[in-house]
Amino acid sequence: MKLTKSKVLEPLSLSDTPLAFRMSIIAKQYYGAAHKHFEDIDLERNFFFLNFISKHKHISQQTLADCMHKDKTTIVHVIDYLSDKGLVKRIQNPDDRREHMIIATKKADNFINKISTGFGELNKKAFKGFNNKEKELFLNMMERIQSNVSELPSEDYSFQYIKRKK
């Protein structure tokens, strides 16, 4: 039996390619571009975390974990990293001593505008060729997909915060 070399298929051209695979490729390319864009800011991959924290006067570690769809351990590592750089600090919640609030420091202000502007530029490049209606439609569809997927049975319970009773 003679084996012939088959044509290699492009995974994204297949109709049954998992949506998550498609999104992961976009995410890798986007974050690679972000890393290059922010290479003069020594924050590893924590640009968006710092940007998000700075948009709040204070945010609890748990709320940050829920919003970022990350487990508590990951959030602690990120906060430790940003804290060691002097960009955020933990303060004890005066109403609940078990809870720590995270706030951006004055030193973080040196980076926030560049990070926020940089993500705006990257998003603009990602939406090149899209009109405003297409962009809005795409973002609405992404929200609907996220909502639909969050309802699927999953072994990763860190994404189940939407359903959690408060």
C-alpha atoms as a PDB file:
ATOM      1  CA  MET A   1       0.000   0.000   0.000  1.00  0.00           C
ATOM      2  CA  LYS A   2       1.393   3.318  -1.040  1.00  0.00           C
ATOM      3  CA  LEU A   3       0.811   6.305   1.210  1.00  0.00           C
ATOM      4  CA  THR A   4       0.312   9.643  -0.433  1.00  0.00           C
ATOM      5  CA  LYS A   5       0.778  12.932   1.228  1.00  0.00           C
ATOM      6  CA  SER A   6      -2.604  14.467   1.948  1.00  0.00           C
ATOM      7  CA  LYS A   7      -3.391  18.122   1.663  1.00  0.00           C
ATOM      8  CA  VAL A   8      -3.065  19.795   5.043  1.00  0.00           C
ATOM      9  CA  LEU A   9      -6.285  21.527   5.992  1.00  0.00           C
ATOM     10  CA  GLU A  10      -6.399  24.945   7.597  1.00  0.00           C
ATOM     11  CA  PRO A  11      -8.190  24.423  10.958  1.00  0.00           C
ATOM     12  CA  LEU A  12     -10.129  27.682  10.678  1.00  0.00           C
ATOM     13  CA  SER A  13     -11.569  26.654   7.317  1.00  0.00           C
ATOM     14  CA  LEU A  14     -13.401  23.683   8.835  1.00  0.00           C
ATOM     15  CA  SER A  15     -17.019  24.298   9.783  1.00  0.00           C
ATOM     16  CA  ASP A  16     -16.725  22.074  12.872  1.00  0.00           C
ATOM     17  CA  THR A  17     -13.684  23.862  14.301  1.00  0.00           C
ATOM     18  CA  PRO A  18     -14.531  24.666  17.926  1.00  0.00           C
ATOM     19  CA  LEU A  19     -15.410  28.295  18.516  1.00  0.00           C
ATOM     20  CA  ALA A  20     -12.991  28.347  21.466  1.00  0.00           C
ATOM     21  CA  PHE A  21     -10.119  27.356  19.155  1.00  0.00           C
ATOM     22  CA  ARG A  22     -10.943  30.230  16.818  1.00  0.00           C
ATOM     23  CA  MET A  23     -11.142  32.661  19.746  1.00  0.00           C
ATOM     24  CA  SER A  24      -7.915  31.375  21.268  1.00  0.00           C
ATOM     25  CA  ILE A  25      -6.032  32.121  18.052  1.00  0.00           C
ATOM     26  CA  ILE A  26      -7.397  35.670  18.019  1.00  0.00           C
ATOM     27  CA  ALA A  27      -6.547  36.055  21.721  1.00  0.00           C
ATOM     28  CA  LYS A  28      -2.966  34.831  21.236  1.00  0.00           C
ATOM     29  CA  GLN A  29      -2.421  37.181  18.309  1.00  0.00           C
ATOM     30  CA  TYR A  30      -4.033  40.116  20.128  1.00  0.00           C
ATOM     31  CA  TYR A  31      -2.079  39.625  23.348  1.00  0.00           C
ATOM     32  CA  GLY A  32       1.121  39.115  21.356  1.00  0.00           C
ATOM     33  CA  ALA A  33       0.499  42.508  19.734  1.00  0.00           C
ATOM     34  CA  ALA A  34      -0.312  44.013  23.150  1.00  0.00           C
ATOM     35  CA  HIS A  35       2.887  42.630  24.632  1.00  0.00           C
ATOM     36  CA  LYS A  36       4.856  44.199  21.766  1.00  0.00           C
ATOM     37  CA  HIS A  37       2.928  47.477  22.067  1.00  0.00           C
ATOM     38  CA  PHE A  38       3.648  47.705  25.805  1.00  0.00           C
ATOM     39  CA  GLU A  39       7.181  46.307  25.738  1.00  0.00           C
ATOM     40  CA  ASP A  40       8.543  49.453  27.426  1.00  0.00           C
ATOM     41  CA  ILE A  41       6.214  48.887  30.400  1.00  0.00           C
ATOM     42  CA  ASP A  42       7.558  46.071  32.567  1.00  0.00           C
ATOM     43  CA  LEU A  43       4.303  44.412  33.605  1.00  0.00           C
ATOM     44  CA  GLU A  44       4.556  41.028  31.902  1.00  0.00           C
ATOM     45  CA  ARG A  45       0.935  40.289  30.920  1.00  0.00           C
ATOM     46  CA  ASN A  46      -0.766  42.307  33.638  1.00  0.00           C
ATOM     47  CA  PHE A  47      -1.575  45.452  31.651  1.00  0.00           C
ATOM     48  CA  PHE A  48      -5.328  44.980  31.620  1.00  0.00           C
ATOM     49  CA  PHE A  49      -5.440  44.016  35.312  1.00  0.00           C
ATOM     50  CA  LEU A  50      -3.767  47.297  36.258  1.00  0.00           C
ATOM     51  CA  ASN A  51      -5.985  49.237  33.871  1.00  0.00           C
ATOM     52  CA  PHE A  52      -9.122  47.575  35.293  1.00  0.00           C
ATOM     53  CA  ILE A  53      -8.091  48.140  38.914  1.00  0.00           C
ATOM     54  CA  SER A  54      -7.365  51.799  38.197  1.00  0.00           C
ATOM     55  CA  LYS A  55     -10.886  52.332  36.845  1.00  0.00           C
ATOM     56  CA  HIS A  56     -12.231  51.580  40.346  1.00  0.00           C
ATOM     57  CA  LYS A  57     -11.596  53.657  43.435  1.00  0.00           C
ATOM     58  CA  HIS A  58     -11.297  50.340  45.234  1.00  0.00           C
ATOM     59  CA  ILE A  59     -12.254  46.799  44.315  1.00  0.00           C
ATOM     60  CA  SER A  60     -12.230  43.688  46.449  1.00  0.00           C
ATOM     61  CA  GLN A  61     -10.000  40.787  45.514  1.00  0.00           C
ATOM     62  CA  GLN A  62     -13.066  38.558  45.162  1.00  0.00           C
ATOM     63  CA  THR A  63     -14.858  41.021  42.873  1.00  0.00           C
ATOM     64  CA  LEU A  64     -11.700  41.335  40.780  1.00  0.00           C
ATOM     65  CA  ALA A  65     -11.486  37.542  40.518  1.00  0.00           C
ATOM     66  CA  ASP A  66     -15.141  37.328  39.489  1.00  0.00           C
ATOM     67  CA  CYS A  67     -14.883  40.127  36.924  1.00  0.00           C
ATOM     68  CA  MET A  68     -11.715  38.721  35.382  1.00  0.00           C
ATOM     69  CA  HIS A  69     -12.948  35.118  35.424  1.00  0.00           C
ATOM     70  CA  LYS A  70      -9.878  34.060  37.381  1.00  0.00           C
ATOM     71  CA  ASP A  71      -9.469  31.931  40.479  1.00  0.00           C
ATOM     72  CA  LYS A  72      -8.441  33.509  43.782  1.00  0.00           C
ATOM     73  CA  THR A  73      -4.909  32.110  43.601  1.00  0.00           C
ATOM     74  CA  THR A  74      -4.269  33.735  40.221  1.00  0.00           C
ATOM     75  CA  ILE A  75      -5.626  37.059  41.478  1.00  0.00           C
ATOM     76  CA  VAL A  76      -3.411  36.909  44.572  1.00  0.00           C
ATOM     77  CA  HIS A  77      -0.354  36.339  42.343  1.00  0.00           C
ATOM     78  CA  VAL A  78      -1.301  39.243  40.060  1.00  0.00           C
ATOM     79  CA  ILE A  79      -1.925  41.571  43.005  1.00  0.00           C
ATOM     80  CA  ASP A  80       1.342  40.477  44.659  1.00  0.00           C
ATOM     81  CA  TYR A  81       3.190  41.172  41.394  1.00  0.00           C
ATOM     82  CA  LEU A  82       1.619  44.619  40.927  1.00  0.00           C
ATOM     83  CA  SER A  83       2.082  45.397  44.636  1.00  0.00           C
ATOM     84  CA  ASP A  84       5.779  44.466  44.516  1.00  0.00           C
ATOM     85  CA  LYS A  85       6.131  46.974  41.654  1.00  0.00           C
ATOM     86  CA  GLY A  86       4.429  49.634  43.800  1.00  0.00           C
ATOM     87  CA  LEU A  87       1.452  49.941  41.410  1.00  0.00           C
ATOM     88  CA  VAL A  88      -1.355  48.707  43.661  1.00  0.00           C
ATOM     89  CA  LYS A  89      -1.878  48.291  47.355  1.00  0.00           C
ATOM     90  CA  ARG A  90      -4.201  46.278  49.535  1.00  0.00           C
ATOM     91  CA  ILE A  91      -6.224  47.982  52.207  1.00  0.00           C
ATOM     92  CA  GLN A  92      -8.438  46.244  54.711  1.00  0.00           C
ATOM     93  CA  ASN A  93     -12.139  46.893  54.259  1.00  0.00           C
ATOM     94  CA  PRO A  94     -13.207  48.773  57.408  1.00  0.00           C
ATOM     95  CA  ASP A  95     -16.673  47.182  57.160  1.00  0.00           C
ATOM     96  CA  ASP A  96     -15.362  43.605  56.789  1.00  0.00           C
ATOM     97  CA  ARG A  97     -11.888  42.866  58.160  1.00  0.00           C
ATOM     98  CA  ARG A  98     -11.751  39.620  56.158  1.00  0.00           C
ATOM     99  CA  GLU A  99     -11.940  41.520  52.881  1.00  0.00           C
ATOM    100  CA  HIS A 100      -9.101  43.376  51.201  1.00  0.00           C
ATOM    101  CA  MET A 101      -9.697  46.184  48.745  1.00  0.00           C
ATOM    102  CA  ILE A 102      -7.246  46.835  45.927  1.00  0.00           C
ATOM    103  CA  ILE A 103      -6.406  50.371  44.864  1.00  0.00           C
ATOM    104  CA  ALA A 104      -4.036  51.723  42.229  1.00  0.00           C
ATOM    105  CA  THR A 105      -1.210  53.895  43.547  1.00  0.00           C
ATOM    106  CA  LYS A 106       0.000  57.260  42.255  1.00  0.00           C
ATOM    107  CA  LYS A 107       2.908  55.397  40.617  1.00  0.00           C
ATOM    108  CA  ALA A 108       0.347  53.454  38.530  1.00  0.00           C
ATOM    109  CA  ASP A 109      -0.936  56.736  37.095  1.00  0.00           C
ATOM    110  CA  ASN A 110       2.287  56.908  35.047  1.00  0.00           C
ATOM    111  CA  PHE A 111       1.164  53.829  33.093  1.00  0.00           C
ATOM    112  CA  ILE A 112      -2.628  53.980  33.052  1.00  0.00           C
ATOM    113  CA  ASN A 113      -3.081  56.489  30.232  1.00  0.00           C
ATOM    114  CA  LYS A 114      -0.598  54.658  28.000  1.00  0.00           C
ATOM    115  CA  ILE A 115      -2.258  51.304  28.693  1.00  0.00           C
ATOM    116  CA  SER A 116      -5.788  52.609  28.130  1.00  0.00           C
ATOM    117  CA  THR A 117      -4.771  54.448  24.958  1.00  0.00           C
ATOM    118  CA  GLY A 118      -2.799  51.425  23.771  1.00  0.00           C
ATOM    119  CA  PHE A 119      -5.743  49.051  24.113  1.00  0.00           C
ATOM    120  CA  GLY A 120      -7.887  51.625  22.282  1.00  0.00           C
ATOM    121  CA  GLU A 121      -5.374  51.625  19.413  1.00  0.00           C
ATOM    122  CA  LEU A 122      -5.180  47.826  19.331  1.00  0.00           C
ATOM    123  CA  ASN A 123      -8.974  47.553  19.315  1.00  0.00           C
ATOM    124  CA  LYS A 124      -9.162  50.087  16.492  1.00  0.00           C
ATOM    125  CA  LYS A 125      -6.712  47.994  14.448  1.00  0.00           C
ATOM    126  CA  ALA A 126      -8.630  44.800  15.260  1.00  0.00           C
ATOM    127  CA  PHE A 127     -11.850  46.409  13.975  1.00  0.00           C
ATOM    128  CA  LYS A 128     -10.217  47.824  10.838  1.00  0.00           C
ATOM    129  CA  GLY A 129     -12.737  47.626   8.005  1.00  0.00           C
ATOM    130  CA  PHE A 130     -15.715  47.340  10.369  1.00  0.00           C
ATOM    131  CA  ASN A 131     -18.271  50.127  10.481  1.00  0.00           C
ATOM    132  CA  ASN A 132     -19.742  51.187  13.842  1.00  0.00           C
ATOM    133  CA  LYS A 133     -22.865  49.066  13.384  1.00  0.00           C
ATOM    134  CA  GLU A 134     -20.798  45.941  12.576  1.00  0.00           C
ATOM    135  CA  LYS A 135     -18.557  46.565  15.578  1.00  0.00           C
ATOM    136  CA  GLU A 136     -21.560  46.998  17.900  1.00  0.00           C
ATOM    137  CA  LEU A 137     -23.216  43.893  16.444  1.00  0.00           C
ATOM    138  CA  PHE A 138     -20.029  41.849  16.900  1.00  0.00           C
ATOM    139  CA  LEU A 139     -19.609  42.943  20.528  1.00  0.00           C
ATOM    140  CA  ASN A 140     -23.277  42.175  21.257  1.00  0.00           C
ATOM    141  CA  MET A 141     -22.883  38.747  19.676  1.00  0.00           C
ATOM    142  CA  MET A 142     -19.782  38.076  21.773  1.00  0.00           C
ATOM    143  CA  GLU A 143     -21.734  38.951  24.924  1.00  0.00           C
ATOM    144  CA  ARG A 144     -24.540  36.616  23.878  1.00  0.00           C
ATOM    145  CA  ILE A 145     -22.072  33.809  23.110  1.00  0.00           C
ATOM    146  CA  GLN A 146     -20.398  34.308  26.501  1.00  0.00           C
ATOM    147  CA  SER A 147     -23.781  34.198  28.212  1.00  0.00           C
ATOM    148  CA  ASN A 148     -24.800  31.051  26.311  1.00  0.00           C
ATOM    149  CA  VAL A 149     -21.506  29.292  27.007  1.00  0.00           C
ATOM    150  CA  SER A 150     -21.641  30.234  30.698  1.00  0.00           C
ATOM    151  CA  GLU A 151     -24.836  28.159  30.933  1.00  0.00           C
ATOM    152  CA  LEU A 152     -23.128  25.005  29.642  1.00  0.00           C
ATOM    153  CA  PRO A 153     -22.080  22.322  32.122  1.00  0.00           C
ATOM    154  CA  SER A 154     -18.455  22.946  32.968  1.00  0.00           C
ATOM    155  CA  GLU A 155     -15.752  21.581  35.224  1.00  0.00           C
ATOM    156  CA  ASP A 156     -14.237  25.057  35.564  1.00  0.00           C
ATOM    157  CA  TYR A 157     -16.461  26.682  38.135  1.00  0.00           C
ATOM    158  CA  SER A 158     -14.565  29.988  38.078  1.00  0.00           C
ATOM    159  CA  PHE A 159     -16.829  31.027  35.211  1.00  0.00           C
ATOM    160  CA  GLN A 160     -20.025  30.353  37.121  1.00  0.00           C
ATOM    161  CA  TYR A 161     -20.006  33.668  39.035  1.00  0.00           C
ATOM    162  CA  ILE A 162     -22.860  34.983  36.914  1.00  0.00           C
ATOM    163  CA  LYS A 163     -25.238  32.439  38.393  1.00  0.00           C
ATOM    164  CA  ARG A 164     -24.004  32.770  41.995  1.00  0.00           C
ATOM    165  CA  LYS A 165     -26.604  34.086  44.407  1.00  0.00           C
ATOM    166  CA  LYS A 166     -25.420  37.066  46.410  1.00  0.00           C
END
